[in-house]
Amino acid sequence: MTPAWRLPQLSDVILSCCETGLGFSEIMTDDILTISAGFLCAGGRRVVNTLWEVDDLGTALFSIFYHQYRQEGCNCPESLRQSQIKLRTLTRNNLAEIYSKTYQAMMEAESKIDEYEPNSAEYLEWEGKYLMYFQVMENISPLKNGVEEYPFAHPLFWAAFTCQGLR
């Protein structure tokens, strides 16, 4: 939190780990010392954080939605609100569409891997993308084939996210 360590171009920071919005209660400070406060003191304009342990897939989808709304011109609180609504109203059919797009991207990555020499920088980059898409598909698969129409409807998935800083 020293003035010498500033990041003036830092606008939105998303701390998608678990409980990043909570303070350190063992230090008697009225909970002002949080990871979010550190980013705000370092020059960040806005910080989105979580209040409890969050689901990996739900958080990834929330982050994508948040960035889409920010690119559309919504401010931080509105982007947060819209992303929460979109996540909790996401259906199995929506997840099936995401699964299909992810499968196409994974197949593209697989074809690109074959174009490069094993262990080259390009090969490793495409291999990393392939593995990422594969993992996303594994996480989506049980939900798109599940019984719940709205797999992220419970507040546990979407209500943990808060924003601090400037609009």
Protein backbone atom coordinates (compact mmCIF):
# COMPACT_ATOMS: atom_id res chain seq x y z
CA MET A 1 0.00 0.00 0.00
CA THR A 2 2.99 2.31 -0.34
CA PRO A 3 2.68 5.31 -2.67
CA ALA A 4 5.76 4.14 -4.60
CA TRP A 5 3.89 1.09 -5.92
CA ARG A 6 1.20 2.46 -8.26
CA LEU A 7 -0.51 1.08 -11.33
CA PRO A 8 -2.30 4.15 -12.79
CA GLN A 9 -3.51 2.35 -15.96
CA LEU A 10 -5.22 -0.38 -13.95
CA SER A 11 -8.97 -0.10 -14.44
CA ASP A 12 -10.94 -3.26 -13.64
CA VAL A 13 -9.50 -6.00 -11.47
CA ILE A 14 -11.41 -9.26 -11.02
CA LEU A 15 -10.27 -11.30 -8.04
CA SER A 16 -11.99 -14.56 -8.83
CA CYS A 17 -10.45 -16.63 -6.05
CA CYS A 18 -12.47 -17.58 -3.01
CA GLU A 19 -13.21 -14.99 -0.32
CA THR A 20 -11.11 -12.19 -1.85
CA GLY A 21 -13.50 -9.56 -0.48
CA LEU A 22 -12.98 -10.56 3.13
CA GLY A 23 -10.53 -8.86 5.46
CA PHE A 24 -8.02 -10.26 7.90
CA SER A 25 -9.94 -10.47 11.16
CA GLU A 26 -6.93 -11.47 13.27
CA ILE A 27 -5.57 -7.96 12.75
CA MET A 28 -7.74 -5.55 14.74
CA THR A 29 -8.33 -3.04 11.94
CA ASP A 30 -12.11 -3.00 11.34
CA ASP A 31 -11.53 -5.08 8.19
CA ILE A 32 -10.08 -2.38 5.94
CA LEU A 33 -7.11 -4.54 4.99
CA THR A 34 -8.35 -6.65 2.10
CA ILE A 35 -6.83 -7.72 -1.17
CA SER A 36 -9.30 -5.36 -2.85
CA ALA A 37 -8.10 -2.42 -0.75
CA GLY A 38 -4.54 -3.21 -1.83
CA PHE A 39 -5.47 -2.99 -5.51
CA LEU A 40 -7.46 0.20 -4.95
CA CYS A 41 -4.54 1.78 -3.07
CA ALA A 42 -2.19 0.71 -5.87
CA GLY A 43 -4.23 2.71 -8.37
CA GLY A 44 -6.91 0.29 -9.51
CA ARG A 45 -10.19 2.02 -10.25
CA ARG A 46 -12.55 -0.89 -9.65
CA VAL A 47 -12.24 -4.31 -8.02
CA VAL A 48 -14.70 -7.18 -8.32
CA ASN A 49 -14.21 -9.73 -5.56
CA THR A 50 -15.95 -12.62 -3.81
CA LEU A 51 -17.34 -13.03 -0.31
CA TRP A 52 -17.23 -16.84 -0.13
CA GLU A 53 -15.91 -19.92 -1.89
CA VAL A 54 -17.05 -19.81 -5.52
CA ASP A 55 -17.56 -22.43 -8.22
CA ASP A 56 -14.84 -22.48 -10.92
CA LEU A 57 -17.14 -22.79 -13.93
CA GLY A 58 -19.67 -20.29 -12.56
CA THR A 59 -16.87 -17.81 -11.89
CA ALA A 60 -15.41 -18.26 -15.37
CA LEU A 61 -18.81 -17.64 -16.98
CA PHE A 62 -19.48 -14.69 -14.66
CA SER A 63 -16.13 -13.13 -15.66
CA ILE A 64 -16.87 -13.53 -19.37
CA PHE A 65 -20.30 -11.93 -18.94
CA TYR A 66 -18.84 -9.11 -16.85
CA HIS A 67 -16.25 -8.24 -19.49
CA GLN A 68 -18.90 -8.35 -22.23
CA TYR A 69 -21.07 -5.86 -20.36
CA ARG A 70 -18.07 -3.60 -19.65
CA GLN A 71 -17.20 -3.62 -23.37
CA GLU A 72 -20.79 -2.65 -24.13
CA GLY A 73 -20.29 0.45 -21.96
CA CYS A 74 -22.01 -0.55 -18.72
CA ASN A 75 -20.42 0.73 -15.52
CA CYS A 76 -19.03 -1.64 -12.90
CA PRO A 77 -22.14 -2.04 -10.70
CA GLU A 78 -24.42 -2.48 -13.72
CA SER A 79 -22.05 -4.99 -15.33
CA LEU A 80 -21.93 -6.88 -12.05
CA ARG A 81 -25.73 -6.90 -11.74
CA GLN A 82 -26.32 -7.94 -15.35
CA SER A 83 -23.68 -10.69 -15.09
CA GLN A 84 -25.31 -12.06 -11.96
CA ILE A 85 -28.70 -12.10 -13.69
CA LYS A 86 -27.27 -13.77 -16.79
CA LEU A 87 -25.47 -16.42 -14.73
CA ARG A 88 -28.48 -17.31 -12.61
CA THR A 89 -30.79 -17.50 -15.65
CA LEU A 90 -28.35 -19.55 -17.75
CA THR A 91 -30.11 -22.71 -18.94
CA ARG A 92 -28.94 -26.18 -19.88
CA ASN A 93 -29.56 -25.23 -23.52
CA ASN A 94 -27.28 -22.19 -23.13
CA LEU A 95 -24.61 -24.46 -21.69
CA ALA A 96 -25.05 -26.86 -24.62
CA GLU A 97 -24.36 -23.96 -27.00
CA ILE A 98 -21.25 -22.97 -25.03
CA TYR A 99 -20.18 -26.63 -25.05
CA SER A 100 -20.56 -26.79 -28.83
CA LYS A 101 -18.50 -23.61 -29.37
CA THR A 102 -15.85 -24.86 -26.96
CA TYR A 103 -15.71 -28.19 -28.82
CA GLN A 104 -15.12 -26.34 -32.12
CA ALA A 105 -12.34 -24.28 -30.54
CA MET A 106 -10.78 -27.43 -29.08
CA MET A 107 -10.81 -29.14 -32.49
CA GLU A 108 -9.17 -26.07 -34.06
CA ALA A 109 -6.49 -26.14 -31.38
CA GLU A 110 -5.93 -29.85 -31.99
CA SER A 111 -5.41 -29.25 -35.71
CA LYS A 112 -3.00 -26.39 -34.99
CA ILE A 113 -0.94 -28.60 -32.65
CA ASP A 114 -0.19 -30.92 -35.58
CA GLU A 115 1.24 -28.02 -37.61
CA TYR A 116 4.15 -27.42 -35.23
CA GLU A 117 7.20 -29.30 -34.04
CA PRO A 118 6.65 -30.95 -30.62
CA ASN A 119 7.85 -28.80 -27.72
CA SER A 120 8.15 -25.65 -29.87
CA ALA A 121 6.65 -22.47 -28.41
CA GLU A 122 3.72 -22.56 -30.84
CA TYR A 123 3.09 -26.25 -30.16
CA LEU A 124 3.02 -25.67 -26.40
CA GLU A 125 0.73 -22.65 -26.79
CA TRP A 126 -1.83 -24.59 -28.83
CA GLU A 127 -1.51 -27.61 -26.56
CA GLY A 128 -2.31 -25.36 -23.59
CA LYS A 129 -5.38 -24.01 -25.38
CA TYR A 130 -6.49 -27.53 -26.27
CA LEU A 131 -6.20 -28.66 -22.65
CA MET A 132 -8.06 -25.56 -21.43
CA TYR A 133 -10.96 -26.16 -23.83
CA PHE A 134 -11.03 -29.84 -22.89
CA GLN A 135 -11.27 -28.98 -19.19
CA VAL A 136 -14.06 -26.46 -19.80
CA MET A 137 -16.00 -29.10 -21.72
CA GLU A 138 -15.55 -31.60 -18.89
CA ASN A 139 -16.95 -29.05 -16.44
CA ILE A 140 -19.92 -28.15 -18.65
CA SER A 141 -20.86 -31.70 -19.65
CA PRO A 142 -22.54 -32.83 -16.41
CA LEU A 143 -24.52 -29.57 -16.18
CA LYS A 144 -25.80 -29.56 -19.76
CA ASN A 145 -26.89 -33.18 -19.34
CA GLY A 146 -28.19 -32.68 -15.79
CA VAL A 147 -31.73 -32.40 -14.51
CA GLU A 148 -31.63 -28.76 -13.41
CA GLU A 149 -32.92 -26.31 -16.01
CA TYR A 150 -31.01 -23.44 -14.38
CA PRO A 151 -27.79 -24.94 -12.97
CA PHE A 152 -26.51 -21.63 -11.54
CA ALA A 153 -29.80 -20.34 -10.09
CA HIS A 154 -28.81 -20.79 -6.45
CA PRO A 155 -27.35 -17.61 -4.88
CA LEU A 156 -24.27 -19.61 -3.89
CA PHE A 157 -23.09 -19.31 -7.52
CA TRP A 158 -23.78 -15.65 -8.31
CA ALA A 159 -24.34 -13.62 -5.12
CA ALA A 160 -20.74 -13.82 -3.84
CA PHE A 161 -19.52 -11.19 -6.30
CA THR A 162 -19.27 -7.58 -5.17
CA CYS A 163 -17.58 -4.49 -6.62
CA GLN A 164 -15.64 -1.72 -4.94
CA GLY A 165 -14.15 1.50 -6.20
CA LEU A 166 -15.33 3.94 -8.83
CA ARG A 167 -18.30 3.30 -11.07
